[in-house]
């Protein structure tokens, strides 16, 4: 489901994730607060296209940015590696 296919898909269980995704007029976004061991960070990832024809590619980019952020913000934490999304319903 779209609800969990972006930032939560790469967030390990050791990190609490509170997020809100959005899909409107070609914009696909996921915004999250990530918390672990007393540290919390907010990340916002927005993508834009004229339509939703490349949703799988944009989900992959959001996951890649989130995974890189997690590995840099939470030292020693390895992000999850979900299978590739093929659509917003995956």
C-alpha atoms as a PDB file:
ATOM      1  CA  UNK A   1       0.000   0.000   0.000  1.00  0.00           C
ATOM      2  CA  UNK A   2       1.129   3.561  -0.630  1.00  0.00           C
ATOM      3  CA  UNK A   3       0.886   4.319   3.089  1.00  0.00           C
ATOM      4  CA  UNK A   4       3.942   2.206   3.892  1.00  0.00           C
ATOM      5  CA  UNK A   5       5.777   2.004   0.558  1.00  0.00           C
ATOM      6  CA  UNK A   6       8.075   5.009   0.899  1.00  0.00           C
ATOM      7  CA  UNK A   7       9.942   6.190   4.042  1.00  0.00           C
ATOM      8  CA  UNK A   8       8.536   3.423   6.310  1.00  0.00           C
ATOM      9  CA  UNK A   9       9.646   0.780   3.790  1.00  0.00           C
ATOM     10  CA  UNK A  10      13.331   1.558   4.467  1.00  0.00           C
ATOM     11  CA  UNK A  11      13.033   2.373   8.178  1.00  0.00           C
ATOM     12  CA  UNK A  12      14.245  -0.412  10.508  1.00  0.00           C
ATOM     13  CA  UNK A  13      12.195  -1.346  13.582  1.00  0.00           C
ATOM     14  CA  UNK A  14      14.768   0.308  15.851  1.00  0.00           C
ATOM     15  CA  UNK A  15      13.538   3.698  14.591  1.00  0.00           C
ATOM     16  CA  UNK A  16      10.050   5.027  15.262  1.00  0.00           C
ATOM     17  CA  UNK A  17       8.565   6.602  12.164  1.00  0.00           C
ATOM     18  CA  UNK A  18       5.639   9.030  12.028  1.00  0.00           C
ATOM     19  CA  UNK A  19       4.826  10.032   8.493  1.00  0.00           C
ATOM     20  CA  UNK A  20       2.315  11.528   6.128  1.00  0.00           C
ATOM     21  CA  UNK A  21       2.374  10.991   2.407  1.00  0.00           C
ATOM     22  CA  UNK A  22       0.684  13.113  -0.213  1.00  0.00           C
ATOM     23  CA  UNK A  23      -0.345  12.649  -3.822  1.00  0.00           C
ATOM     24  CA  UNK A  24      -1.857  15.624  -5.621  1.00  0.00           C
ATOM     25  CA  UNK A  25      -1.647  17.093  -9.105  1.00  0.00           C
ATOM     26  CA  UNK A  26       1.589  15.338 -10.074  1.00  0.00           C
ATOM     27  CA  UNK A  27       3.233  15.785  -6.657  1.00  0.00           C
ATOM     28  CA  UNK A  28       4.162  12.682  -4.688  1.00  0.00           C
ATOM     29  CA  UNK A  29       5.625  13.362  -1.250  1.00  0.00           C
ATOM     30  CA  UNK A  30       6.441  11.687   2.042  1.00  0.00           C
ATOM     31  CA  UNK A  31       7.234  13.649   5.193  1.00  0.00           C
ATOM     32  CA  UNK A  32       8.390  11.923   8.376  1.00  0.00           C
ATOM     33  CA  UNK A  33       9.695  12.304  11.891  1.00  0.00           C
ATOM     34  CA  UNK A  34      12.216   9.579  12.680  1.00  0.00           C
ATOM     35  CA  UNK A  35      13.093   8.910  16.348  1.00  0.00           C
ATOM     36  CA  UNK A  36      15.536   6.600  18.108  1.00  0.00           C
ATOM     37  CA  UNK A  37      17.539   6.728  21.348  1.00  0.00           C
ATOM     38  CA  UNK A  38      16.395  10.246  22.238  1.00  0.00           C
ATOM     39  CA  UNK A  39      17.196  11.751  18.835  1.00  0.00           C
ATOM     40  CA  UNK A  40      14.495  12.877  16.411  1.00  0.00           C
ATOM     41  CA  UNK A  41      14.792  14.194  12.867  1.00  0.00           C
ATOM     42  CA  UNK A  42      12.248  15.494  10.378  1.00  0.00           C
ATOM     43  CA  UNK A  43      12.663  14.762   6.690  1.00  0.00           C
ATOM     44  CA  UNK A  44      10.545  15.923   3.765  1.00  0.00           C
ATOM     45  CA  UNK A  45      10.870  14.437   0.310  1.00  0.00           C
ATOM     46  CA  UNK A  46       8.823  15.854  -2.567  1.00  0.00           C
ATOM     47  CA  UNK A  47       8.719  14.811  -6.209  1.00  0.00           C
ATOM     48  CA  UNK A  48       6.864  16.450  -9.087  1.00  0.00           C
ATOM     49  CA  UNK A  49       5.819  15.307 -12.537  1.00  0.00           C
ATOM     50  CA  UNK A  50       3.040  16.296 -14.929  1.00  0.00           C
ATOM     51  CA  UNK A  51       1.214  13.044 -14.160  1.00  0.00           C
ATOM     52  CA  UNK A  52       1.573   9.825 -12.200  1.00  0.00           C
ATOM     53  CA  UNK A  53       3.131   7.797 -15.027  1.00  0.00           C
ATOM     54  CA  UNK A  54       6.448   7.318 -13.214  1.00  0.00           C
ATOM     55  CA  UNK A  55       5.221   6.546  -9.693  1.00  0.00           C
ATOM     56  CA  UNK A  56       7.461   3.487  -9.267  1.00  0.00           C
ATOM     57  CA  UNK A  57      10.561   5.494 -10.169  1.00  0.00           C
ATOM     58  CA  UNK A  58       9.603   8.300  -7.801  1.00  0.00           C
ATOM     59  CA  UNK A  59       8.915   5.842  -4.960  1.00  0.00           C
ATOM     60  CA  UNK A  60      12.377   4.387  -5.564  1.00  0.00           C
ATOM     61  CA  UNK A  61      13.954   7.855  -5.365  1.00  0.00           C
ATOM     62  CA  UNK A  62      12.091   8.639  -2.135  1.00  0.00           C
ATOM     63  CA  UNK A  63      13.280   5.326  -0.662  1.00  0.00           C
ATOM     64  CA  UNK A  64      16.875   6.009  -1.720  1.00  0.00           C
ATOM     65  CA  UNK A  65      16.888   9.493  -0.171  1.00  0.00           C
ATOM     66  CA  UNK A  66      15.276   8.183   3.021  1.00  0.00           C
ATOM     67  CA  UNK A  67      17.710   5.259   3.301  1.00  0.00           C
ATOM     68  CA  UNK A  68      20.708   7.554   2.832  1.00  0.00           C
ATOM     69  CA  UNK A  69      19.297   9.944   5.434  1.00  0.00           C
ATOM     70  CA  UNK A  70      18.732   7.127   7.931  1.00  0.00           C
ATOM     71  CA  UNK A  71      22.252   5.754   7.556  1.00  0.00           C
ATOM     72  CA  UNK A  72      23.752   9.235   8.072  1.00  0.00           C
ATOM     73  CA  UNK A  73      21.458  10.454  10.861  1.00  0.00           C
ATOM     74  CA  UNK A  74      21.431   7.268  12.934  1.00  0.00           C
ATOM     75  CA  UNK A  75      25.054   6.152  13.106  1.00  0.00           C
ATOM     76  CA  UNK A  76      25.462   2.392  12.778  1.00  0.00           C
ATOM     77  CA  UNK A  77      21.898   1.841  11.546  1.00  0.00           C
ATOM     78  CA  UNK A  78      21.334  -0.073   8.334  1.00  0.00           C
ATOM     79  CA  UNK A  79      18.189   0.888   6.398  1.00  0.00           C
ATOM     80  CA  UNK A  80      15.891  -1.841   5.106  1.00  0.00           C
ATOM     81  CA  UNK A  81      16.044  -2.858   1.448  1.00  0.00           C
ATOM     82  CA  UNK A  82      12.477  -3.415   0.223  1.00  0.00           C
ATOM     83  CA  UNK A  83      11.708  -4.898  -3.152  1.00  0.00           C
ATOM     84  CA  UNK A  84      11.140  -2.445  -5.965  1.00  0.00           C
ATOM     85  CA  UNK A  85       7.754  -0.807  -6.137  1.00  0.00           C
ATOM     86  CA  UNK A  86       5.910  -1.237  -9.383  1.00  0.00           C
ATOM     87  CA  UNK A  87       3.011   1.102  -8.657  1.00  0.00           C
ATOM     88  CA  UNK A  88       1.379   3.067  -5.878  1.00  0.00           C
ATOM     89  CA  UNK A  89      -0.626  -0.004  -4.873  1.00  0.00           C
ATOM     90  CA  UNK A  90       2.482  -2.148  -4.118  1.00  0.00           C
END
